[in-house]
Amino acid sequence: MALIKQMTSSGTDDWQTPLWLFRWLNDIFHFTLDAAATPENALCKKYFTKEQDALKQSWAGERVFCNPPYSRPNIYRFTEKAFQETIQECPLAVLLIPNRTATKAWNDYVFTGAAGILFISRRLHFSNAEKNAPFGSAVVLFADDHVLLRLTGLGLCDLKMDLLLGSDIECDIGYSNLRYEQEYWEGR
């Protein structure tokens, strides 16, 4: 049991988004709100801190990026919030969350309501970590119908694919190479 806990638990709840990954996603989605940030690591001009509690705030009209605290209750709450907000008045919410597909959050909201899922096959090196994360990650897209129509026009309607570090990936937006994306965005 201790070995399983060691393999799945990181000992921390906060994992700072790799800047290159955010820049790559922001180039596509043009985020206006970072829903889980500190003043030191906010990735958008507008952001919510832990004290402001993004779960109690409206996300209406915002294009949201959210790398929530990674404890299971928080992942569930933020995933539920993203799903609910995009049903209401939030056009877009993109979450960077652990790839734990057997969890309640994935089964209640991701698999039933996400517009797209990007699985990152190798473990990310988060900005505030010494080593790669002890878990896999995924980018989950929730979007209202209006945004989905615009993404369809861009060829982004089917985002379910694997992102393979160092390998070419095929998707509706053409061919890309995540290692190239990482090098490109880290240089900006």
N, C-alpha and C. Protein backbone atom coordinates (compact mmCIF):
# COMPACT_ATOMS: atom_id res chain seq x y z
N MET A 1 0.82 -1.19 0.00
CA MET A 1 0.00 0.00 0.00
C MET A 1 0.87 1.26 0.00
N ALA A 2 1.96 1.25 0.76
CA ALA A 2 2.85 2.41 0.81
C ALA A 2 3.47 2.67 -0.55
N LEU A 3 3.80 1.61 -1.29
CA LEU A 3 4.37 1.78 -2.61
C LEU A 3 3.38 2.43 -3.56
N ILE A 4 2.11 2.04 -3.51
CA ILE A 4 1.08 2.64 -4.37
C ILE A 4 0.92 4.11 -4.03
N LYS A 5 0.88 4.46 -2.75
CA LYS A 5 0.75 5.86 -2.34
C LYS A 5 1.96 6.66 -2.82
N GLN A 6 3.14 6.09 -2.72
CA GLN A 6 4.35 6.76 -3.15
C GLN A 6 4.33 7.01 -4.65
N MET A 7 3.78 6.09 -5.42
CA MET A 7 3.75 6.22 -6.87
C MET A 7 2.70 7.22 -7.34
N THR A 8 1.65 7.45 -6.55
CA THR A 8 0.56 8.31 -7.00
C THR A 8 0.50 9.63 -6.26
N SER A 9 1.18 9.76 -5.16
CA SER A 9 1.12 10.99 -4.37
C SER A 9 2.42 11.76 -4.51
N SER A 10 2.29 13.05 -4.72
CA SER A 10 3.48 13.87 -4.94
C SER A 10 3.94 14.58 -3.69
N GLY A 11 3.09 14.66 -2.67
CA GLY A 11 3.45 15.38 -1.47
C GLY A 11 3.17 16.88 -1.58
N THR A 12 2.73 17.35 -2.73
CA THR A 12 2.38 18.74 -2.92
C THR A 12 1.09 18.85 -3.71
N ASP A 13 0.41 19.96 -3.53
CA ASP A 13 -0.87 20.19 -4.19
C ASP A 13 -0.74 21.15 -5.37
N ASP A 14 0.36 21.90 -5.41
CA ASP A 14 0.54 22.95 -6.42
C ASP A 14 1.66 22.59 -7.39
N TRP A 15 1.33 22.60 -8.66
CA TRP A 15 2.29 22.30 -9.72
C TRP A 15 2.23 23.45 -10.72
N GLN A 16 3.28 24.23 -10.79
CA GLN A 16 3.32 25.41 -11.64
C GLN A 16 3.44 25.02 -13.11
N THR A 17 2.52 25.52 -13.92
CA THR A 17 2.45 25.18 -15.34
C THR A 17 3.78 25.48 -16.04
N PRO A 18 4.28 24.54 -16.84
CA PRO A 18 5.46 24.84 -17.66
C PRO A 18 5.11 25.99 -18.61
N LEU A 19 5.92 27.03 -18.61
CA LEU A 19 5.62 28.22 -19.39
C LEU A 19 5.48 27.92 -20.88
N TRP A 20 6.32 27.03 -21.40
CA TRP A 20 6.24 26.71 -22.82
C TRP A 20 4.89 26.10 -23.17
N LEU A 21 4.33 25.27 -22.28
CA LEU A 21 3.04 24.64 -22.54
C LEU A 21 1.92 25.68 -22.51
N PHE A 22 1.97 26.57 -21.53
CA PHE A 22 0.95 27.62 -21.48
C PHE A 22 1.02 28.49 -22.74
N ARG A 23 2.21 28.89 -23.15
CA ARG A 23 2.34 29.75 -24.33
C ARG A 23 1.77 29.06 -25.57
N TRP A 24 2.03 27.78 -25.70
CA TRP A 24 1.52 27.03 -26.84
C TRP A 24 -0.01 27.00 -26.83
N LEU A 25 -0.60 26.71 -25.67
CA LEU A 25 -2.06 26.69 -25.55
C LEU A 25 -2.65 28.09 -25.70
N ASN A 26 -2.00 29.08 -25.14
CA ASN A 26 -2.50 30.45 -25.22
C ASN A 26 -2.49 30.97 -26.65
N ASP A 27 -1.52 30.52 -27.44
CA ASP A 27 -1.47 30.91 -28.84
C ASP A 27 -2.70 30.41 -29.60
N ILE A 28 -3.27 29.31 -29.16
CA ILE A 28 -4.47 28.75 -29.78
C ILE A 28 -5.73 29.36 -29.17
N PHE A 29 -5.79 29.46 -27.84
CA PHE A 29 -7.04 29.79 -27.17
C PHE A 29 -7.17 31.22 -26.64
N HIS A 30 -6.09 31.98 -26.55
CA HIS A 30 -6.13 33.39 -26.14
C HIS A 30 -6.85 33.57 -24.80
N PHE A 31 -6.26 33.04 -23.75
CA PHE A 31 -6.86 33.06 -22.43
C PHE A 31 -6.97 34.48 -21.86
N THR A 32 -8.02 34.71 -21.06
CA THR A 32 -8.21 35.99 -20.39
C THR A 32 -8.17 35.86 -18.87
N LEU A 33 -8.22 34.63 -18.35
CA LEU A 33 -8.26 34.41 -16.90
C LEU A 33 -7.48 33.16 -16.53
N ASP A 34 -6.61 33.31 -15.54
CA ASP A 34 -5.94 32.16 -14.90
C ASP A 34 -6.72 31.92 -13.61
N ALA A 35 -7.44 30.82 -13.55
CA ALA A 35 -8.38 30.59 -12.45
C ALA A 35 -7.75 30.02 -11.17
N ALA A 36 -6.49 29.66 -11.21
CA ALA A 36 -5.84 29.11 -10.01
C ALA A 36 -4.38 29.56 -9.99
N ALA A 37 -4.14 30.72 -9.43
CA ALA A 37 -2.80 31.30 -9.50
C ALA A 37 -2.41 31.98 -8.19
N THR A 38 -1.17 32.38 -8.16
CA THR A 38 -0.68 33.28 -7.12
C THR A 38 -0.20 34.53 -7.87
N PRO A 39 0.02 35.64 -7.17
CA PRO A 39 0.55 36.81 -7.87
C PRO A 39 1.91 36.53 -8.54
N GLU A 40 2.67 35.59 -7.98
CA GLU A 40 3.99 35.28 -8.53
C GLU A 40 3.94 34.40 -9.77
N ASN A 41 2.91 33.56 -9.92
CA ASN A 41 2.91 32.64 -11.06
C ASN A 41 1.73 32.82 -12.00
N ALA A 42 0.97 33.89 -11.86
CA ALA A 42 -0.18 34.12 -12.74
C ALA A 42 0.24 34.20 -14.19
N LEU A 43 -0.51 33.54 -15.05
CA LEU A 43 -0.18 33.49 -16.47
C LEU A 43 -1.05 34.42 -17.31
N CYS A 44 -2.06 35.01 -16.71
CA CYS A 44 -2.93 35.98 -17.39
C CYS A 44 -2.98 37.25 -16.53
N LYS A 45 -3.33 38.36 -17.18
CA LYS A 45 -3.45 39.62 -16.42
C LYS A 45 -4.52 39.49 -15.34
N LYS A 46 -5.61 38.81 -15.66
CA LYS A 46 -6.67 38.58 -14.68
C LYS A 46 -6.48 37.17 -14.12
N TYR A 47 -6.52 37.06 -12.80
CA TYR A 47 -6.35 35.75 -12.17
C TYR A 47 -7.05 35.71 -10.83
N PHE A 48 -7.35 34.50 -10.38
CA PHE A 48 -7.92 34.28 -9.05
C PHE A 48 -6.89 33.56 -8.20
N THR A 49 -6.73 34.05 -6.97
CA THR A 49 -5.84 33.40 -6.01
C THR A 49 -6.66 32.45 -5.15
N LYS A 50 -5.97 31.70 -4.31
CA LYS A 50 -6.64 30.79 -3.39
C LYS A 50 -7.60 31.56 -2.48
N GLU A 51 -7.18 32.74 -2.06
CA GLU A 51 -8.01 33.56 -1.18
C GLU A 51 -9.28 34.06 -1.90
N GLN A 52 -9.17 34.33 -3.18
CA GLN A 52 -10.33 34.79 -3.96
C GLN A 52 -11.27 33.64 -4.29
N ASP A 53 -10.77 32.44 -4.25
CA ASP A 53 -11.53 31.21 -4.47
C ASP A 53 -12.29 31.20 -5.80
N ALA A 54 -11.62 30.75 -6.81
CA ALA A 54 -12.20 30.68 -8.16
C ALA A 54 -13.49 29.87 -8.21
N LEU A 55 -13.66 28.96 -7.28
CA LEU A 55 -14.88 28.14 -7.27
C LEU A 55 -16.11 28.96 -6.88
N LYS A 56 -15.90 30.10 -6.23
CA LYS A 56 -17.01 30.97 -5.83
C LYS A 56 -17.19 32.16 -6.78
N GLN A 57 -16.29 32.31 -7.75
CA GLN A 57 -16.33 33.43 -8.68
C GLN A 57 -17.03 33.02 -9.98
N SER A 58 -17.56 34.02 -10.66
CA SER A 58 -18.13 33.77 -11.98
C SER A 58 -17.00 33.78 -13.02
N TRP A 59 -17.08 32.88 -13.95
CA TRP A 59 -16.14 32.85 -15.06
C TRP A 59 -16.80 33.36 -16.34
N ALA A 60 -17.96 33.96 -16.22
CA ALA A 60 -18.74 34.41 -17.37
C ALA A 60 -17.91 35.32 -18.29
N GLY A 61 -17.97 35.02 -19.57
CA GLY A 61 -17.30 35.82 -20.58
C GLY A 61 -15.79 35.64 -20.67
N GLU A 62 -15.22 34.81 -19.83
CA GLU A 62 -13.76 34.62 -19.79
C GLU A 62 -13.34 33.39 -20.60
N ARG A 63 -12.14 33.45 -21.11
CA ARG A 63 -11.49 32.31 -21.76
C ARG A 63 -10.47 31.82 -20.71
N VAL A 64 -10.83 30.77 -20.01
CA VAL A 64 -10.16 30.37 -18.77
C VAL A 64 -9.10 29.32 -18.99
N PHE A 65 -7.92 29.57 -18.39
CA PHE A 65 -6.90 28.55 -18.23
C PHE A 65 -6.86 28.22 -16.75
N CYS A 66 -6.78 26.94 -16.42
CA CYS A 66 -6.76 26.55 -15.02
C CYS A 66 -5.89 25.31 -14.81
N ASN A 67 -4.85 25.48 -14.02
CA ASN A 67 -4.03 24.39 -13.53
C ASN A 67 -4.30 24.33 -12.04
N PRO A 68 -5.37 23.62 -11.64
CA PRO A 68 -5.84 23.68 -10.25
C PRO A 68 -4.93 22.95 -9.28
N PRO A 69 -5.12 23.19 -7.98
CA PRO A 69 -4.43 22.36 -6.99
C PRO A 69 -4.77 20.89 -7.24
N TYR A 70 -3.80 20.01 -7.10
CA TYR A 70 -3.95 18.64 -7.57
C TYR A 70 -4.47 17.63 -6.56
N SER A 71 -4.93 18.06 -5.41
CA SER A 71 -5.55 17.08 -4.51
C SER A 71 -6.87 16.63 -5.12
N ARG A 72 -7.29 15.41 -4.82
CA ARG A 72 -8.49 14.87 -5.46
C ARG A 72 -9.74 15.73 -5.25
N PRO A 73 -9.99 16.24 -4.03
CA PRO A 73 -11.20 17.07 -3.92
C PRO A 73 -11.13 18.32 -4.79
N ASN A 74 -9.94 18.92 -4.90
CA ASN A 74 -9.80 20.12 -5.71
C ASN A 74 -9.94 19.82 -7.20
N ILE A 75 -9.35 18.73 -7.66
CA ILE A 75 -9.49 18.37 -9.07
C ILE A 75 -10.96 18.18 -9.42
N TYR A 76 -11.68 17.49 -8.56
CA TYR A 76 -13.10 17.26 -8.81
C TYR A 76 -13.85 18.59 -8.85
N ARG A 77 -13.62 19.45 -7.87
CA ARG A 77 -14.35 20.72 -7.79
C ARG A 77 -14.05 21.63 -8.97
N PHE A 78 -12.78 21.73 -9.37
CA PHE A 78 -12.43 22.59 -10.50
C PHE A 78 -12.94 22.02 -11.83
N THR A 79 -12.92 20.70 -11.97
CA THR A 79 -13.45 20.09 -13.19
C THR A 79 -14.95 20.31 -13.27
N GLU A 80 -15.64 20.13 -12.16
CA GLU A 80 -17.08 20.39 -12.12
C GLU A 80 -17.36 21.86 -12.44
N LYS A 81 -16.59 22.77 -11.87
CA LYS A 81 -16.77 24.21 -12.10
C LYS A 81 -16.58 24.55 -13.58
N ALA A 82 -15.53 24.02 -14.20
CA ALA A 82 -15.29 24.29 -15.63
C ALA A 82 -16.46 23.78 -16.47
N PHE A 83 -16.92 22.59 -16.18
CA PHE A 83 -18.06 22.01 -16.89
C PHE A 83 -19.30 22.89 -16.73
N GLN A 84 -19.63 23.26 -15.49
CA GLN A 84 -20.82 24.06 -15.20
C GLN A 84 -20.73 25.46 -15.82
N GLU A 85 -19.57 26.09 -15.71
CA GLU A 85 -19.42 27.46 -16.25
C GLU A 85 -19.57 27.50 -17.77
N THR A 86 -19.08 26.46 -18.46
CA THR A 86 -19.22 26.48 -19.92
C THR A 86 -20.64 26.15 -20.37
N ILE A 87 -21.43 25.56 -19.50
CA ILE A 87 -22.86 25.38 -19.79
C ILE A 87 -23.56 26.73 -19.66
N GLN A 88 -23.05 27.58 -18.77
CA GLN A 88 -23.68 28.88 -18.52
C GLN A 88 -23.09 29.93 -19.46
N GLU A 89 -22.23 30.82 -18.98
CA GLU A 89 -21.78 31.95 -19.78
C GLU A 89 -20.28 32.02 -20.00
N CYS A 90 -19.55 31.00 -19.67
CA CYS A 90 -18.11 30.95 -19.92
C CYS A 90 -17.89 30.24 -21.26
N PRO A 91 -17.31 30.92 -22.24
CA PRO A 91 -17.17 30.28 -23.55
C PRO A 91 -16.14 29.16 -23.60
N LEU A 92 -15.12 29.22 -22.72
CA LEU A 92 -14.01 28.27 -22.83
C LEU A 92 -13.31 28.11 -21.50
N ALA A 93 -13.05 26.86 -21.12
CA ALA A 93 -12.24 26.56 -19.93
C ALA A 93 -11.31 25.41 -20.29
N VAL A 94 -10.02 25.62 -20.10
CA VAL A 94 -9.01 24.61 -20.40
C VAL A 94 -8.29 24.27 -19.10
N LEU A 95 -8.33 23.00 -18.73
CA LEU A 95 -7.71 22.54 -17.49
C LEU A 95 -6.47 21.71 -17.80
N LEU A 96 -5.43 21.91 -17.00
CA LEU A 96 -4.26 21.03 -17.00
C LEU A 96 -4.37 20.22 -15.73
N ILE A 97 -4.68 18.94 -15.88
CA ILE A 97 -4.93 18.10 -14.71
C ILE A 97 -4.20 16.76 -14.83
N PRO A 98 -4.06 16.06 -13.69
CA PRO A 98 -3.45 14.73 -13.75
C PRO A 98 -4.29 13.79 -14.61
N ASN A 99 -3.62 12.95 -15.33
CA ASN A 99 -4.27 11.97 -16.19
C ASN A 99 -4.63 10.75 -15.33
N ARG A 100 -5.69 10.91 -14.57
CA ARG A 100 -6.16 9.83 -13.70
C ARG A 100 -7.58 9.49 -14.13
N THR A 101 -7.67 8.73 -15.19
CA THR A 101 -8.95 8.50 -15.86
C THR A 101 -9.93 7.65 -15.07
N ALA A 102 -9.49 7.00 -14.03
CA ALA A 102 -10.40 6.18 -13.23
C ALA A 102 -11.08 6.98 -12.11
N THR A 103 -10.76 8.26 -12.01
CA THR A 103 -11.32 9.05 -10.91
C THR A 103 -12.72 9.54 -11.24
N LYS A 104 -13.41 9.96 -10.20
CA LYS A 104 -14.78 10.47 -10.32
C LYS A 104 -14.84 11.71 -11.21
N ALA A 105 -13.87 12.60 -11.10
CA ALA A 105 -13.86 13.83 -11.92
C ALA A 105 -13.85 13.49 -13.41
N TRP A 106 -13.01 12.54 -13.78
CA TRP A 106 -12.93 12.15 -15.18
C TRP A 106 -14.24 11.50 -15.63
N ASN A 107 -14.79 10.64 -14.82
CA ASN A 107 -16.00 9.92 -15.23
C ASN A 107 -17.25 10.79 -15.17
N ASP A 108 -17.33 11.71 -14.22
CA ASP A 108 -18.51 12.57 -14.11
C ASP A 108 -18.51 13.73 -15.09
N TYR A 109 -17.31 14.28 -15.41
CA TYR A 109 -17.28 15.51 -16.20
C TYR A 109 -16.42 15.44 -17.46
N VAL A 110 -15.23 14.89 -17.37
CA VAL A 110 -14.34 14.91 -18.53
C VAL A 110 -14.89 14.02 -19.65
N PHE A 111 -15.14 12.76 -19.35
CA PHE A 111 -15.60 11.85 -20.39
C PHE A 111 -17.01 12.18 -20.89
N THR A 112 -17.81 12.83 -20.06
CA THR A 112 -19.19 13.13 -20.45
C THR A 112 -19.37 14.52 -21.03
N GLY A 113 -18.46 15.47 -20.71
CA GLY A 113 -18.73 16.84 -21.13
C GLY A 113 -17.60 17.59 -21.79
N ALA A 114 -16.41 17.01 -21.85
CA ALA A 114 -15.28 17.72 -22.44
C ALA A 114 -15.41 17.77 -23.96
N ALA A 115 -15.02 18.91 -24.53
CA ALA A 115 -14.99 19.06 -25.98
C ALA A 115 -13.72 18.45 -26.56
N GLY A 116 -12.69 18.34 -25.75
CA GLY A 116 -11.43 17.77 -26.22
C GLY A 116 -10.54 17.38 -25.07
N ILE A 117 -9.72 16.38 -25.31
CA ILE A 117 -8.76 15.90 -24.32
C ILE A 117 -7.43 15.72 -25.04
N LEU A 118 -6.37 16.32 -24.49
CA LEU A 118 -5.03 16.13 -25.04
C LEU A 118 -4.22 15.38 -23.98
N PHE A 119 -3.92 14.12 -24.24
CA PHE A 119 -3.13 13.33 -23.29
C PHE A 119 -1.65 13.59 -23.55
N ILE A 120 -0.93 13.90 -22.51
CA ILE A 120 0.52 14.11 -22.62
C ILE A 120 1.17 12.82 -22.13
N SER A 121 1.80 12.11 -23.04
CA SER A 121 2.23 10.75 -22.73
C SER A 121 3.42 10.67 -21.79
N ARG A 122 4.26 11.68 -21.77
CA ARG A 122 5.37 11.68 -20.83
C ARG A 122 5.07 12.62 -19.68
N ARG A 123 5.69 12.40 -18.58
CA ARG A 123 5.44 13.22 -17.40
C ARG A 123 6.05 14.61 -17.58
N LEU A 124 5.25 15.63 -17.27
CA LEU A 124 5.70 17.01 -17.42
C LEU A 124 6.73 17.38 -16.36
N HIS A 125 7.59 18.29 -16.74
CA HIS A 125 8.48 18.92 -15.77
C HIS A 125 7.87 20.27 -15.44
N PHE A 126 7.21 20.34 -14.29
CA PHE A 126 6.56 21.57 -13.88
C PHE A 126 7.60 22.59 -13.45
N SER A 127 7.27 23.87 -13.62
CA SER A 127 8.24 24.95 -13.40
C SER A 127 8.79 25.01 -11.98
N ASN A 128 8.00 24.62 -10.99
CA ASN A 128 8.46 24.71 -9.61
C ASN A 128 8.96 23.38 -9.05
N ALA A 129 9.25 22.43 -9.92
CA ALA A 129 9.66 21.10 -9.46
C ALA A 129 11.10 20.80 -9.87
N GLU A 130 11.77 20.01 -9.04
CA GLU A 130 13.13 19.60 -9.36
C GLU A 130 13.16 18.49 -10.41
N LYS A 131 12.14 17.62 -10.36
CA LYS A 131 12.07 16.48 -11.28
C LYS A 131 10.73 16.49 -11.99
N ASN A 132 10.58 15.57 -12.92
CA ASN A 132 9.30 15.42 -13.59
C ASN A 132 8.23 15.01 -12.59
N ALA A 133 6.99 15.33 -12.90
CA ALA A 133 5.88 14.98 -12.02
C ALA A 133 5.79 13.46 -11.87
N PRO A 134 5.30 12.98 -10.73
CA PRO A 134 5.14 11.54 -10.53
C PRO A 134 3.82 11.02 -11.11
N PHE A 135 3.25 11.72 -12.08
CA PHE A 135 1.97 11.34 -12.67
C PHE A 135 1.92 11.87 -14.10
N GLY A 136 1.06 11.28 -14.91
CA GLY A 136 0.83 11.78 -16.25
C GLY A 136 -0.13 12.96 -16.21
N SER A 137 -0.17 13.74 -17.28
CA SER A 137 -1.03 14.93 -17.33
C SER A 137 -1.88 14.92 -18.59
N ALA A 138 -2.93 15.72 -18.54
CA ALA A 138 -3.80 15.89 -19.70
C ALA A 138 -4.31 17.33 -19.72
N VAL A 139 -4.56 17.82 -20.91
CA VAL A 139 -5.20 19.12 -21.10
C VAL A 139 -6.63 18.82 -21.51
N VAL A 140 -7.58 19.36 -20.74
CA VAL A 140 -9.00 19.08 -20.97
C VAL A 140 -9.69 20.39 -21.36
N LEU A 141 -10.40 20.35 -22.47
CA LEU A 141 -11.08 21.52 -23.01
C LEU A 141 -12.59 21.40 -22.81
N PHE A 142 -13.17 22.39 -22.13
CA PHE A 142 -14.62 22.53 -22.04
C PHE A 142 -14.97 23.80 -22.81
N ALA A 143 -15.99 23.75 -23.64
CA ALA A 143 -16.35 24.91 -24.45
C ALA A 143 -17.84 24.95 -24.71
N ASP A 144 -18.38 26.18 -24.82
CA ASP A 144 -19.79 26.31 -25.18
C ASP A 144 -19.96 26.06 -26.68
N ASP A 145 -21.19 25.93 -27.12
CA ASP A 145 -21.47 25.60 -28.52
C ASP A 145 -20.92 26.63 -29.49
N HIS A 146 -20.97 27.92 -29.13
CA HIS A 146 -20.48 28.97 -30.01
C HIS A 146 -18.98 28.83 -30.25
N VAL A 147 -18.22 28.58 -29.20
CA VAL A 147 -16.78 28.40 -29.34
C VAL A 147 -16.48 27.14 -30.15
N LEU A 148 -17.23 26.07 -29.91
CA LEU A 148 -17.01 24.84 -30.68
C LEU A 148 -17.20 25.07 -32.16
N LEU A 149 -18.17 25.88 -32.55
CA LEU A 149 -18.36 26.18 -33.96
C LEU A 149 -17.16 26.93 -34.53
N ARG A 150 -16.60 27.88 -33.77
CA ARG A 150 -15.42 28.61 -34.23
C ARG A 150 -14.21 27.69 -34.28
N LEU A 151 -14.06 26.79 -33.31
CA LEU A 151 -12.95 25.85 -33.33
C LEU A 151 -13.08 24.89 -34.50
N THR A 152 -14.32 24.52 -34.83
CA THR A 152 -14.53 23.66 -35.99
C THR A 152 -14.02 24.35 -37.25
N GLY A 153 -14.28 25.65 -37.35
CA GLY A 153 -13.79 26.41 -38.50
C GLY A 153 -12.28 26.45 -38.57
N LEU A 154 -11.63 26.37 -37.42
CA LEU A 154 -10.17 26.35 -37.38
C LEU A 154 -9.61 24.93 -37.51
N GLY A 155 -10.50 23.96 -37.56
CA GLY A 155 -10.04 22.57 -37.62
C GLY A 155 -9.65 22.03 -36.26
N LEU A 156 -10.18 22.62 -35.19
CA LEU A 156 -9.80 22.21 -33.85
C LEU A 156 -10.91 21.47 -33.13
N CYS A 157 -11.93 21.03 -33.85
CA CYS A 157 -13.09 20.45 -33.17
C CYS A 157 -12.79 19.10 -32.55
N ASP A 158 -11.86 18.34 -33.11
CA ASP A 158 -11.55 17.03 -32.55
C ASP A 158 -10.15 17.06 -31.97
N LEU A 159 -10.06 17.41 -30.69
CA LEU A 159 -8.76 17.55 -30.04
C LEU A 159 -8.33 16.29 -29.32
N LYS A 160 -9.08 15.19 -29.47
CA LYS A 160 -8.71 13.97 -28.76
C LYS A 160 -7.55 13.30 -29.48
N MET A 161 -6.37 13.43 -28.90
CA MET A 161 -5.16 12.88 -29.50
C MET A 161 -4.13 12.73 -28.41
N ASP A 162 -3.07 12.06 -28.70
CA ASP A 162 -1.94 11.97 -27.78
C ASP A 162 -0.91 13.02 -28.18
N LEU A 163 -0.35 13.69 -27.19
CA LEU A 163 0.80 14.57 -27.43
C LEU A 163 2.03 13.78 -27.01
N LEU A 164 2.84 13.48 -27.95
CA LEU A 164 4.02 12.66 -27.67
C LEU A 164 5.26 13.53 -27.74
N LEU A 165 5.95 13.65 -26.63
CA LEU A 165 7.17 14.43 -26.63
C LEU A 165 8.17 13.83 -27.59
N GLY A 166 8.64 14.65 -28.49
CA GLY A 166 9.65 14.21 -29.42
C GLY A 166 9.12 13.43 -30.61
N SER A 167 7.81 13.28 -30.73
CA SER A 167 7.23 12.56 -31.85
C SER A 167 6.28 13.46 -32.60
N ASP A 168 6.14 13.23 -33.89
CA ASP A 168 5.15 13.98 -34.65
C ASP A 168 3.78 13.52 -34.22
N ILE A 169 2.85 14.46 -34.14
CA ILE A 169 1.49 14.13 -33.78
C ILE A 169 0.57 14.59 -34.90
N GLU A 170 -0.44 13.82 -35.16
CA GLU A 170 -1.40 14.18 -36.18
C GLU A 170 -2.69 14.61 -35.50
N CYS A 171 -3.24 15.72 -35.94
CA CYS A 171 -4.51 16.20 -35.43
C CYS A 171 -5.15 17.05 -36.51
N ASP A 172 -6.31 17.57 -36.24
CA ASP A 172 -7.01 18.35 -37.24
C ASP A 172 -6.33 19.66 -37.58
N ILE A 173 -5.36 20.10 -36.77
CA ILE A 173 -4.68 21.34 -37.09
C ILE A 173 -3.37 21.07 -37.83
N GLY A 174 -3.20 19.86 -38.29
CA GLY A 174 -2.01 19.51 -39.06
C GLY A 174 -1.02 18.74 -38.22
N TYR A 175 0.23 18.77 -38.64
CA TYR A 175 1.28 18.06 -37.92
C TYR A 175 2.01 19.03 -37.01
N SER A 176 2.37 18.54 -35.88
CA SER A 176 3.10 19.35 -34.93
C SER A 176 4.12 18.46 -34.24
N ASN A 177 5.04 19.08 -33.59
CA ASN A 177 6.04 18.35 -32.83
C ASN A 177 6.16 19.04 -31.49
N LEU A 178 5.78 18.35 -30.41
CA LEU A 178 5.74 18.98 -29.10
C LEU A 178 7.13 19.42 -28.66
N ARG A 179 8.17 18.68 -29.03
CA ARG A 179 9.52 19.12 -28.67
C ARG A 179 9.82 20.44 -29.37
N TYR A 180 9.43 20.57 -30.64
CA TYR A 180 9.59 21.84 -31.35
C TYR A 180 8.79 22.93 -30.66
N GLU A 181 7.55 22.63 -30.27
CA GLU A 181 6.72 23.62 -29.59
C GLU A 181 7.39 24.07 -28.30
N GLN A 182 7.95 23.12 -27.54
CA GLN A 182 8.61 23.46 -26.29
C GLN A 182 9.80 24.38 -26.55
N GLU A 183 10.64 24.04 -27.51
CA GLU A 183 11.82 24.87 -27.82
C GLU A 183 11.40 26.24 -28.32
N TYR A 184 10.39 26.30 -29.18
CA TYR A 184 9.92 27.55 -29.73
C TYR A 184 9.39 28.47 -28.65
N TRP A 185 8.51 27.95 -27.79
CA TRP A 185 7.87 28.80 -26.79
C TRP A 185 8.80 29.16 -25.64
N GLU A 186 9.76 28.31 -25.33
CA GLU A 186 10.72 28.66 -24.29
C GLU A 186 11.62 29.80 -24.76
N GLY A 187 11.82 29.93 -26.07
CA GLY A 187 12.65 30.99 -26.62
C GLY A 187 11.95 32.33 -26.73
N ARG A 188 10.66 32.39 -26.48
CA ARG A 188 9.92 33.65 -26.62
C ARG A 188 9.91 34.44 -25.35
